[in-house]
C-alpha cells in the first residue's frame, strides 16, 4: 500500500539505526578490550629536561591495527547476525488501537559496507589544560529489507577510544 510505504520505511529506518549503532558500539568495545591498547600505548609523549611535554605522536602501527580490528569485528558481527528482524507494529503505524496488533517483518542485510578512520582531537579543558581524544569514526552502509520496499541507510558513529587531560604550566597572568 502506497500510504504505508513511507511509514514502514520511517519506522524500519529508526529501528535499524538503533540496532546497528548498538552493534557498532559493542563490536568497538570488544576490539578495544581485546587489543589491550590504552592511551599510553597508542601515543608517544616526549618531555623536555624539566618534565614539560614537547610533543605527542601517534603510534601509527598500533592505531592501524586497532582500526582494522574494529572494522573486522563490526563486519563479522554483521555476518554473525545473519540479518535480524525488526518488528513494526501495524497498530502503531496506523495510530489506531482497534487494529489487531500484527507485525511487519523487516531485516537488515548482513552484507554491510563498513569503513572506519581513527581521529585525534585536542580541546581546551581549562586555563592550563588540554583534552586529547582519540576516537573511531565509523560508517556502515546497510540495506533494510521489508515486505513493502527495500532501502539503504547510512549509520555514522563516533566512538571514543582513549583520552587524557594534559596539564600545562599555570599562567602567571590571565586576561579574560
Protein backbone atom coordinates (compact mmCIF):
# COMPACT_ATOMS: atom_id res chain seq x y z
CA UNK A 1 0.00 0.00 0.00
CA UNK A 2 1.43 3.38 -1.03
CA UNK A 3 0.15 5.02 2.17
CA UNK A 4 2.10 2.56 4.32
CA UNK A 5 5.39 2.73 2.38
CA UNK A 6 6.74 5.92 3.99
CA UNK A 7 5.52 4.94 7.47
CA UNK A 8 7.06 1.47 7.29
CA UNK A 9 10.30 2.88 5.89
CA UNK A 10 10.48 5.53 8.61
CA UNK A 11 9.89 3.09 11.48
CA UNK A 12 12.21 0.47 9.97
CA UNK A 13 14.95 3.07 9.50
CA UNK A 14 14.78 4.26 13.11
CA UNK A 15 14.87 0.72 14.49
CA UNK A 16 17.62 -0.35 12.08
CA UNK A 17 19.80 2.64 13.04
CA UNK A 18 19.35 1.81 16.71
CA UNK A 19 20.23 -1.88 16.24
CA UNK A 20 23.25 -1.14 14.03
CA UNK A 21 24.53 1.62 16.34
CA UNK A 22 24.27 -0.74 19.30
CA UNK A 23 26.17 -3.42 17.37
CA UNK A 24 28.90 -0.92 16.33
CA UNK A 25 29.38 0.18 19.94
CA UNK A 26 29.53 -3.40 21.22
CA UNK A 27 31.96 -4.51 18.50
CA UNK A 28 34.19 -1.48 19.08
CA UNK A 29 34.24 -2.00 22.84
CA UNK A 30 35.21 -5.65 22.36
CA UNK A 31 38.00 -4.71 19.93
CA UNK A 32 39.42 -2.16 22.39
CA UNK A 33 39.28 -4.54 25.36
CA UNK A 34 40.78 -7.47 23.46
CA UNK A 35 43.57 -5.36 21.95
CA UNK A 36 44.67 -4.19 25.39
CA UNK A 37 45.56 -0.78 23.99
CA UNK A 38 45.37 2.24 26.27
CA UNK A 39 46.07 5.90 25.67
CA UNK A 40 49.68 5.39 26.74
CA UNK A 41 50.18 2.55 24.28
CA UNK A 42 48.63 4.46 21.35
CA UNK A 43 50.69 7.65 21.72
CA UNK A 44 54.30 8.51 22.47
CA UNK A 45 54.80 11.52 24.70
CA UNK A 46 58.15 13.32 24.78
CA UNK A 47 59.25 15.56 27.61
CA UNK A 48 61.94 18.20 27.98
CA UNK A 49 64.52 18.23 30.76
CA UNK A 50 62.13 19.79 33.28
CA UNK A 51 59.25 17.42 32.52
CA UNK A 52 57.15 19.56 30.18
CA UNK A 53 55.55 17.86 27.21
CA UNK A 54 57.33 18.77 23.99
CA UNK A 55 55.46 16.50 21.58
CA UNK A 56 52.79 13.86 21.29
CA UNK A 57 52.93 11.45 18.38
CA UNK A 58 50.64 8.58 17.50
CA UNK A 59 51.94 5.04 17.21
CA UNK A 60 50.58 4.60 13.69
CA UNK A 61 51.18 0.85 13.61
CA UNK A 62 49.09 0.25 16.74
CA UNK A 63 46.47 2.74 15.57
CA UNK A 64 46.17 0.92 12.23
CA UNK A 65 45.93 -2.46 13.97
CA UNK A 66 43.16 -1.14 16.23
CA UNK A 67 41.25 0.43 13.33
CA UNK A 68 41.49 -2.83 11.37
CA UNK A 69 40.37 -4.88 14.37
CA UNK A 70 37.37 -2.59 14.94
CA UNK A 71 36.32 -2.78 11.28
CA UNK A 72 36.78 -6.57 11.16
CA UNK A 73 34.76 -7.08 14.35
CA UNK A 74 31.88 -4.98 13.01
CA UNK A 75 31.85 -6.78 9.65
CA UNK A 76 31.98 -10.20 11.35
CA UNK A 77 29.22 -9.23 13.76
CA UNK A 78 27.03 -8.29 10.79
CA UNK A 79 27.69 -11.75 9.30
CA UNK A 80 27.05 -13.50 12.63
CA UNK A 81 23.69 -11.80 12.95
CA UNK A 82 22.77 -13.25 9.55
CA UNK A 83 20.31 -10.42 9.38
CA UNK A 84 17.90 -9.75 12.21
CA UNK A 85 14.25 -8.95 12.37
CA UNK A 86 12.72 -5.63 13.28
CA UNK A 87 9.09 -5.84 14.36
CA UNK A 88 6.91 -2.96 13.18
CA UNK A 89 3.51 -2.75 14.85
CA UNK A 90 0.69 -2.09 12.38
CA UNK A 91 -1.48 -0.53 15.11
CA UNK A 92 1.32 1.99 15.78
CA UNK A 93 1.69 2.70 12.07
CA UNK A 94 -1.99 3.43 11.69
CA UNK A 95 -2.24 5.18 15.09
CA UNK A 96 -5.27 3.03 15.76
CA UNK A 97 -5.61 0.76 18.76
CA UNK A 98 -8.64 -1.01 17.25
CA UNK A 99 -6.50 -2.74 14.61
CA UNK A 100 -5.25 -6.06 15.94
CA UNK A 101 -1.55 -5.94 16.77
CA UNK A 102 0.29 -7.51 13.86
CA UNK A 103 3.90 -7.08 12.87
CA UNK A 104 5.50 -6.37 9.54
CA UNK A 105 8.87 -8.14 9.38
CA UNK A 106 11.89 -6.18 8.32
CA UNK A 107 15.51 -7.23 8.29
CA UNK A 108 18.94 -5.82 7.74
CA UNK A 109 21.09 -7.39 5.05
CA UNK A 110 24.20 -8.77 6.78
CA UNK A 111 26.46 -7.67 3.90
CA UNK A 112 27.05 -4.14 5.18
CA UNK A 113 29.83 -1.93 3.86
CA UNK A 114 31.84 -0.71 6.85
CA UNK A 115 34.61 1.88 6.90
CA UNK A 116 36.43 3.37 9.86
CA UNK A 117 39.03 6.01 10.47
CA UNK A 118 40.80 6.97 13.67
CA UNK A 119 40.95 10.62 14.54
CA UNK A 120 42.70 12.64 17.17
CA UNK A 121 41.43 15.91 18.62
CA UNK A 122 42.74 18.43 21.10
CA UNK A 123 40.29 20.62 23.03
CA UNK A 124 40.78 23.33 25.61
CA UNK A 125 39.78 21.97 29.01
CA UNK A 126 40.66 24.92 31.23
CA UNK A 127 43.24 27.65 31.60
CA UNK A 128 46.19 25.30 31.55
CA UNK A 129 44.61 22.03 30.44
CA UNK A 130 44.10 20.33 27.10
CA UNK A 131 41.93 17.30 26.50
CA UNK A 132 43.36 14.87 23.93
CA UNK A 133 40.90 12.36 22.49
CA UNK A 134 41.40 9.51 20.08
CA UNK A 135 38.20 8.21 18.55
CA UNK A 136 36.97 5.97 15.77
CA UNK A 137 34.72 7.48 13.12
CA UNK A 138 32.73 4.53 11.77
CA UNK A 139 30.38 4.44 8.80
CA UNK A 140 28.14 1.50 7.92
CA UNK A 141 26.01 1.37 4.78
CA UNK A 142 23.23 -1.19 5.20
CA UNK A 143 20.21 -2.32 3.25
CA UNK A 144 16.92 -2.60 5.11
CA UNK A 145 14.52 -5.16 3.63
CA UNK A 146 10.77 -5.03 4.25
CA UNK A 147 7.82 -6.74 2.60
CA UNK A 148 6.84 -3.43 1.06
CA UNK A 149 10.19 -1.99 -0.02
CA UNK A 150 13.95 -2.11 0.36
CA UNK A 151 16.13 0.90 1.04
CA UNK A 152 19.68 1.80 2.03
CA UNK A 153 20.69 3.77 5.09
CA UNK A 154 23.98 5.12 6.34
CA UNK A 155 24.85 4.91 10.01
CA UNK A 156 27.67 7.09 11.35
CA UNK A 157 29.13 6.56 14.79
CA UNK A 158 31.92 8.35 16.60
CA UNK A 159 33.29 6.19 19.40
CA UNK A 160 35.84 7.38 21.95
CA UNK A 161 38.81 5.02 22.18
CA UNK A 162 41.13 6.83 24.57
CA UNK A 163 41.54 10.23 26.15
CA UNK A 164 43.65 12.11 28.63
CA UNK A 165 43.93 15.59 30.09
CA UNK A 166 47.29 17.26 29.56
CA UNK A 167 48.10 19.76 32.29
CA UNK A 168 50.39 22.63 31.38
CA UNK A 169 52.08 25.37 33.35
CA UNK A 170 49.86 27.65 35.39
CA UNK A 171 49.97 31.10 33.80
CA UNK A 172 51.37 33.92 35.91
CA UNK A 173 48.82 36.35 34.46
CA UNK A 174 45.42 35.57 32.98
CA UNK A 175 43.39 38.08 30.98
CA UNK A 176 39.85 37.06 30.37
